[in-house]
Each structure stands twice: as structure tokens, then as C-alpha cells.
Amino acid sequence: MKVGIVSIMLAASVAASANLFTNPGFETGDLTGWTINPTANGMTAVQDVQVFETVAGVPSRAGHFRVGQVTFSSGIQEGIELVQMLNLNAGTNYVFSYNVAANHSGTSGGNSQGGVFTAVVNSVFVGSTFAVGTINAGQTIRGTVTGTFTPTTSGSYSVGLRMTRPFTTGTTTLHQYVDNASAVPEPATMAALGLGLAALARRRRK
């Protein structure tokens, strides 16, 4: 019994600490480990790391962008995908999460769309979408984007966050931020592994 408990605790601990992303909180002060892929008519006018509160009251380094279209096309969401290539195992359920925010640094006016954030794997939506919507001058709007994905085959997958707007990047006062990226095997999957290890240990003791 003790072996089983230890195995499950170990599996849960591994799940909690097994963030697959490199530089998930932009601790290096730059975008090391991350790749920026523009959408078909998308771009970012800024791509760096700044100290910002993607979580209210908790300033930390965050990826900083200003996304949108290259050439205006009414109503079409364009921008970038911020991704990393991760090796994922078939049959394992992975859980992704990101803290995101949009900020309007102007002193007057506003914008009808601060940004749309979506979790993606191989450019396919795999979870929630956070659409900022109207944002006023001096305002910050924060949210969390999550996603889940269970690959059918083991291999390398492009995992990350899509950030878009249906306008060009002409405004210099609108900014998008991302921080605290997380990609981990689902705890239930790891707990099942722990149960398997416990069963194996019992068989060996008999």
C-alpha cells in the first residue's frame, strides 16, 4: 500500500512540475525558446519582453506584442501565433494555459477590439478563446486562455497561442501581453501511471 501511495504522489508531483515550455514566463528577458509565426495577412509591430501585470497586482516579465493585419481586410482576424515545438506522447492528455492581457496606453479614445487570444496546436484551435472586445484609453483587460489536446500519434507538435485583431497594426497605443505559459500532462493521466507502477511493484513482491 505504501508503494502505491508513494507512486501516486510521485506521479502527481511530476505532473505539477512537468511544464514542457521553455522560458514559459519569459524569465530570460527575451523570447528565447519561442517562435513567432505570422498568419496569412498578419504581423506584430512589436515583439519583446516587458514587465507587466497580466495578473492584476503581480508584475512580472511578459511577452509584449502589437498584432493585426498587414493590409486591411474588413472583419478578418490576423496577427501571429507564438509557439514552441513540443514532443507529445500519443494517448496522453495535455493541458495548456496562458495569462493574457490587452492594454490601451492612450489618454483618450478607445478601440473596438483589443485582441483575440486562442490556444492552438498545429494552428488548430484546441480550447477557449478570449476576445477582449472594446477597450478604452488607459484600460487593461486581462484573461486566461486554456486548452486540452490528446495526440493520436507521438511526435513534435507546434503548441502555443494565437493573437489576432481585425485591423492593421497602425495604432501605437494598443498592446497585447502573454505570460505564465503552461503545457503539462493531465494529472489524471500521471495518476494512472502511478497506479500502474504500484501494481507492478506488488507483483514483484509476490
Protein backbone atom coordinates (compact mmCIF):
# COMPACT_ATOMS: atom_id res chain seq x y z
CA MET A 1 0.00 0.00 0.00
CA LYS A 2 2.83 2.37 0.90
CA VAL A 3 4.41 1.79 -2.51
CA GLY A 4 1.12 2.66 -4.23
CA ILE A 5 0.69 5.86 -2.26
CA VAL A 6 4.26 6.93 -2.94
CA SER A 7 3.87 6.16 -6.65
CA ILE A 8 0.69 8.21 -6.94
CA MET A 9 2.24 11.11 -5.01
CA LEU A 10 5.31 10.96 -7.24
CA ALA A 11 3.17 10.93 -10.38
CA ALA A 12 1.14 13.91 -9.19
CA SER A 13 4.35 15.76 -8.35
CA VAL A 14 5.75 15.08 -11.81
CA ALA A 15 2.52 16.35 -13.41
CA ALA A 16 2.64 19.54 -11.39
CA SER A 17 6.25 20.32 -12.31
CA ALA A 18 6.41 19.00 -15.87
CA ASN A 19 5.84 22.23 -17.76
CA LEU A 20 7.05 21.40 -21.27
CA PHE A 21 7.55 25.01 -22.38
CA THR A 22 10.99 26.60 -22.40
CA ASN A 23 11.07 30.09 -20.90
CA PRO A 24 7.33 29.93 -20.03
CA GLY A 25 7.38 33.14 -18.01
CA PHE A 26 9.89 34.96 -20.22
CA GLU A 27 12.36 34.81 -17.32
CA THR A 28 15.28 35.28 -19.70
CA GLY A 29 14.08 38.78 -20.51
CA ASP A 30 13.64 37.89 -24.18
CA LEU A 31 11.71 35.48 -26.41
CA THR A 32 14.20 32.61 -26.13
CA GLY A 33 12.51 29.30 -26.97
CA TRP A 34 9.53 30.92 -28.70
CA THR A 35 8.83 31.24 -32.43
CA ILE A 36 6.60 33.91 -33.98
CA ASN A 37 4.61 32.71 -37.00
CA PRO A 38 2.53 35.38 -38.77
CA THR A 39 -0.91 34.42 -40.05
CA ALA A 40 -1.62 34.79 -43.79
CA ASN A 41 -2.03 38.59 -43.67
CA GLY A 42 -0.80 39.09 -40.12
CA MET A 43 2.10 40.62 -38.26
CA THR A 44 3.19 42.13 -34.97
CA ALA A 45 4.62 45.64 -34.89
CA VAL A 46 6.35 44.89 -31.57
CA GLN A 47 7.89 41.69 -30.24
CA ASP A 48 9.81 41.96 -26.99
CA VAL A 49 9.55 41.35 -23.25
CA GLN A 50 8.33 43.93 -20.74
CA VAL A 51 7.39 43.91 -17.07
CA PHE A 52 3.59 43.94 -16.97
CA GLU A 53 0.71 42.73 -14.82
CA THR A 54 -1.03 40.03 -16.83
CA VAL A 55 -2.31 39.04 -13.39
CA ALA A 56 -3.54 42.14 -11.55
CA GLY A 57 -1.17 43.18 -8.79
CA VAL A 58 1.57 40.74 -9.85
CA PRO A 59 4.12 42.47 -12.10
CA SER A 60 6.42 40.10 -13.98
CA ARG A 61 8.15 39.75 -17.30
CA ALA A 62 5.71 39.08 -20.14
CA GLY A 63 5.81 38.72 -23.90
CA HIS A 64 4.76 42.04 -25.45
CA PHE A 65 3.19 42.38 -28.92
CA ARG A 66 1.10 44.65 -31.13
CA VAL A 67 -0.74 42.37 -33.54
CA GLY A 68 -3.02 42.86 -36.51
CA GLN A 69 -3.27 42.85 -40.27
CA VAL A 70 -0.58 43.84 -42.75
CA THR A 71 -3.14 45.05 -45.33
CA PHE A 72 -6.62 45.95 -44.12
CA SER A 73 -9.33 43.42 -44.89
CA SER A 74 -12.63 44.10 -43.14
CA GLY A 75 -13.56 41.66 -40.38
CA ILE A 76 -10.68 39.20 -40.88
CA GLN A 77 -8.73 38.18 -37.78
CA GLU A 78 -4.99 38.36 -38.44
CA GLY A 79 -1.84 38.50 -36.34
CA ILE A 80 0.61 35.88 -35.12
CA GLU A 81 1.00 32.54 -33.43
CA LEU A 82 3.50 32.41 -30.57
CA VAL A 83 4.57 28.77 -30.41
CA GLN A 84 7.09 26.17 -29.38
CA MET A 85 7.70 22.71 -30.85
CA LEU A 86 6.90 20.18 -28.13
CA ASN A 87 7.34 16.42 -28.14
CA LEU A 88 3.98 14.94 -27.10
CA ASN A 89 3.10 11.32 -26.39
CA ALA A 90 0.19 9.51 -28.01
CA GLY A 91 -2.77 8.97 -25.70
CA THR A 92 -1.65 11.50 -23.09
CA ASN A 93 -4.00 14.40 -22.43
CA TYR A 94 -2.11 17.72 -22.27
CA VAL A 95 -3.48 20.82 -20.58
CA PHE A 96 -2.40 24.28 -21.78
CA SER A 97 -2.93 27.66 -20.13
CA TYR A 98 -1.79 31.24 -20.66
CA ASN A 99 -2.34 34.52 -18.82
CA VAL A 100 -3.12 37.23 -21.36
CA ALA A 101 -3.90 40.93 -21.33
CA ALA A 102 -4.56 43.87 -23.61
CA ASN A 103 -3.63 47.42 -22.68
CA HIS A 104 -4.59 50.75 -24.23
CA SER A 105 -1.84 53.17 -23.29
CA GLY A 106 -3.52 56.22 -24.83
CA THR A 107 -5.03 59.12 -22.90
CA SER A 108 -8.18 59.46 -24.98
CA GLY A 109 -10.38 57.46 -27.32
CA GLY A 110 -10.52 53.69 -27.45
CA ASN A 111 -10.51 50.67 -29.75
CA SER A 112 -13.29 48.30 -30.73
CA GLN A 113 -11.10 45.18 -30.45
CA GLY A 114 -8.16 44.89 -28.07
CA GLY A 115 -7.22 41.43 -29.29
CA VAL A 116 -8.38 37.84 -29.63
CA PHE A 117 -6.34 35.11 -27.90
CA THR A 118 -6.77 31.40 -28.64
CA ALA A 119 -4.90 28.23 -27.67
CA VAL A 120 -3.69 26.31 -30.74
CA VAL A 121 -1.90 23.09 -31.62
CA ASN A 122 -0.59 22.88 -35.19
CA SER A 123 -2.62 26.06 -35.90
CA VAL A 124 -5.88 24.35 -34.88
CA PHE A 125 -7.95 25.78 -32.00
CA VAL A 126 -7.89 23.39 -29.03
CA GLY A 127 -9.61 25.32 -26.26
CA SER A 128 -11.02 28.59 -25.08
CA THR A 129 -10.87 31.92 -26.90
CA PHE A 130 -10.57 35.19 -25.00
CA ALA A 131 -11.81 38.14 -27.07
CA VAL A 132 -11.01 41.43 -25.37
CA GLY A 133 -13.59 43.46 -27.29
CA THR A 134 -13.87 47.21 -26.77
CA ILE A 135 -11.03 48.69 -24.75
CA ASN A 136 -10.87 52.29 -23.57
CA ALA A 137 -7.90 54.61 -23.20
CA GLY A 138 -5.90 53.80 -20.08
CA GLN A 139 -7.65 50.45 -19.63
CA THR A 140 -6.17 46.98 -19.16
CA ILE A 141 -8.30 43.90 -19.76
CA ARG A 142 -7.00 40.56 -18.50
CA GLY A 143 -7.98 36.94 -19.06
CA THR A 144 -6.86 33.32 -19.14
CA VAL A 145 -6.79 31.06 -22.18
CA THR A 146 -6.86 27.30 -21.72
CA GLY A 147 -6.81 24.27 -23.99
CA THR A 148 -6.52 20.48 -23.99
CA PHE A 149 -5.14 18.10 -26.57
CA THR A 150 -4.63 14.34 -26.78
CA PRO A 151 -2.39 13.34 -29.71
CA THR A 152 -3.15 10.11 -31.53
CA THR A 153 0.49 9.71 -32.51
CA SER A 154 3.67 10.61 -30.67
CA GLY A 155 5.77 13.33 -32.22
CA SER A 156 6.58 17.01 -32.43
CA TYR A 157 3.70 19.49 -32.32
CA SER A 158 3.50 23.27 -32.66
CA VAL A 159 1.88 24.41 -29.41
CA GLY A 160 1.06 27.94 -28.35
CA LEU A 161 -1.18 30.95 -28.54
CA ARG A 162 -2.76 32.76 -31.49
CA MET A 163 -3.16 36.54 -31.10
CA THR A 164 -5.16 38.46 -33.71
CA ARG A 165 -7.15 41.61 -34.48
CA PRO A 166 -9.40 42.51 -37.47
CA PHE A 167 -7.47 45.74 -38.05
CA THR A 168 -3.97 46.83 -39.07
CA THR A 169 -1.22 47.48 -36.53
CA GLY A 170 -1.27 51.23 -37.22
CA THR A 171 -2.23 52.26 -33.70
CA THR A 172 0.74 52.62 -31.34
CA THR A 173 -1.34 52.65 -28.15
CA LEU A 174 -2.78 49.12 -28.21
CA HIS A 175 -0.67 46.28 -26.80
CA GLN A 176 -1.10 42.55 -26.17
CA TYR A 177 0.71 40.57 -23.47
CA VAL A 178 1.14 36.90 -22.60
CA ASP A 179 2.75 35.30 -19.54
CA ASN A 180 2.82 32.13 -17.44
CA ALA A 181 2.50 29.71 -20.33
CA SER A 182 1.91 26.15 -19.16
CA ALA A 183 1.84 22.83 -21.02
CA VAL A 184 1.58 19.80 -18.74
CA PRO A 185 0.28 16.22 -18.87
CA GLU A 186 -3.10 15.98 -17.20
CA PRO A 187 -2.72 14.91 -13.53
CA ALA A 188 -5.24 12.11 -14.02
CA THR A 189 -3.01 10.64 -16.70
CA MET A 190 0.00 10.75 -14.41
CA ALA A 191 -2.00 9.32 -11.51
CA ALA A 192 -2.97 6.38 -13.71
CA LEU A 193 0.71 5.88 -14.40
CA GLY A 194 1.30 5.86 -10.66
CA LEU A 195 -1.33 3.16 -10.19
CA GLY A 196 0.38 1.10 -12.86
CA LEU A 197 3.72 1.44 -11.09
CA ALA A 198 2.10 0.41 -7.80
CA ALA A 199 0.58 -2.70 -9.39
CA LEU A 200 3.93 -3.62 -10.89
CA ALA A 201 5.60 -3.23 -7.51
CA ARG A 202 3.02 -5.51 -5.87
CA ARG A 203 3.56 -8.20 -8.50
CA ARG A 204 7.31 -8.07 -7.93
CA ARG A 205 6.82 -8.51 -4.17
CA LYS A 206 4.73 -11.69 -4.60
